[in-house]
């Protein structure tokens, strides 16, 4: 065995190429990582980041190129081969068993005991020791994973991988489900792992985190290497430009102040939702984009979900085009021309085992398929899906590909496509750019602008204040379940919005 050289990369991937039917996911990519550093892997959804890491983790076979660990050439036939050699991967989709305890999950398949009986006490002690070493004090090792909030489940997943004592740790969007306090804890954990000379590969779309915590970065675009560089002295604007190949200023399109109509398409009076939303009143105009923001749990999500008919204990008055209406289900909302894109893409927005074509056209089948002949129906459906793929620039080899194989940003575009095909008048979005890259964000923002220009009315719920400032004509501030302030974009600032979300009465 070659002795590790601390100065040389522990990981070297050279000329990695990966092909899928109809597309090249990676084209001659080089990547390396060193001990005791956090190396960011950056790129738009579909740029090849996850594919590259799945080759490293043994999920995909190495077909073209070379993989070297500590100077030795490697090929993995199964993920357990990579784990055995010291490569631990934490994916966005957690692999925990909800019905088991934290301790059982951390050592699942590797339980202490004599092969007949499991030493549960030993597993609890080992699990508690790992959590303590990682600085995690708030998680009970005897708690069922299903009883933990998503953020704590993410930390358990990381502890599970760390229990294998990896030399190389891959983290795929680890902070996507974490609040600021938990993200700070995570990076404190990573600093401790760096001190143990573990090489950490950090995949994230959050540039502020990358700039603050990462030592080096590699940018991929369209399956090709753009650049590998040290982070010192790099700005966020430079990261954006390298990632999407355009300047950051292209993100938000400015609209004329009088671009919206005075026609009221939706009125809400004294709307309450259980204890979450308290007597909210507002109106929505044709062709305007309203941003809704507030601290986590301020009631903004429940507000728009009530307008889509998915919340219980709803009271108050809703008028659509001046007429009082009842919205008790998504079917009734859609019939009234109202659509919702939720933050839970896979659970609520997509059927991941079905094709891209089927996901796009499913809500519109009754409108599309009035033809009698089956082959005409199929041709119409395929053409409609292909038009959407082209218009929204969805990166997929074929409309018949399973939607679950797409990157997060492209999945979000598929959800948008299905509602655009239905031609609804009011579209509500919850965290539309959560977990997607800057390029996909720019495309989503462009589409919002186009929809508003076409007379659609848009409501966007987001905690990203820069996003809210960039896209909104008016901004609603939710605080403690109430609509505390309504602010015109011309009068808004990031500092003022931050103050308002904290409950302060005035915005400078």
Foldseek 3Di string as FASTA:
>chain_A
DADADQVDFQKWWFQFWDDDVQATQAGGAIDTWGFLFEEEEDAFFSLNPVVVVCCLQQVDWGDDTFIHGSRHTDTHNHSVVNLLVFEFEQAPDFPADQQAFLLCRLCPVNFDDDVPDGPVVVSQVVLVVLCVLLVNDPGRRRDGNNPDPPLVSLVSSVSSRCVSVGLEYEYAASCLRPDPVSVVSNLVSVNSSSVVRRIYYYYHQDVVCCLVRGQKYWEGGRNYTQDIGGSPPDDPQNVLCSHQVDGPVLQFDDDDLPLFDPQWFKWWAQKDAPQQAGGETDTFTWLFEEEEEFPPSLRPVVVVVVLQQPGPPIDTFMDGSNHTDHRNHNVRSVVSLEEEAEPPLPPPQAPQQFFLLCSQCVVPLVVQPPDDDPVSSVVSSQVLSVVLCVVLVQDDSGRRHGLNVGTPLSSLSSSVNNSVVSVGQEYEYEPSCRRGHPVSSSSVLVVSNVSSSVGHIYYYYDNPLVVSLRRGQKYFYGGSNYRLDIGGSVQDDSVQNVVVSVPDRDGD
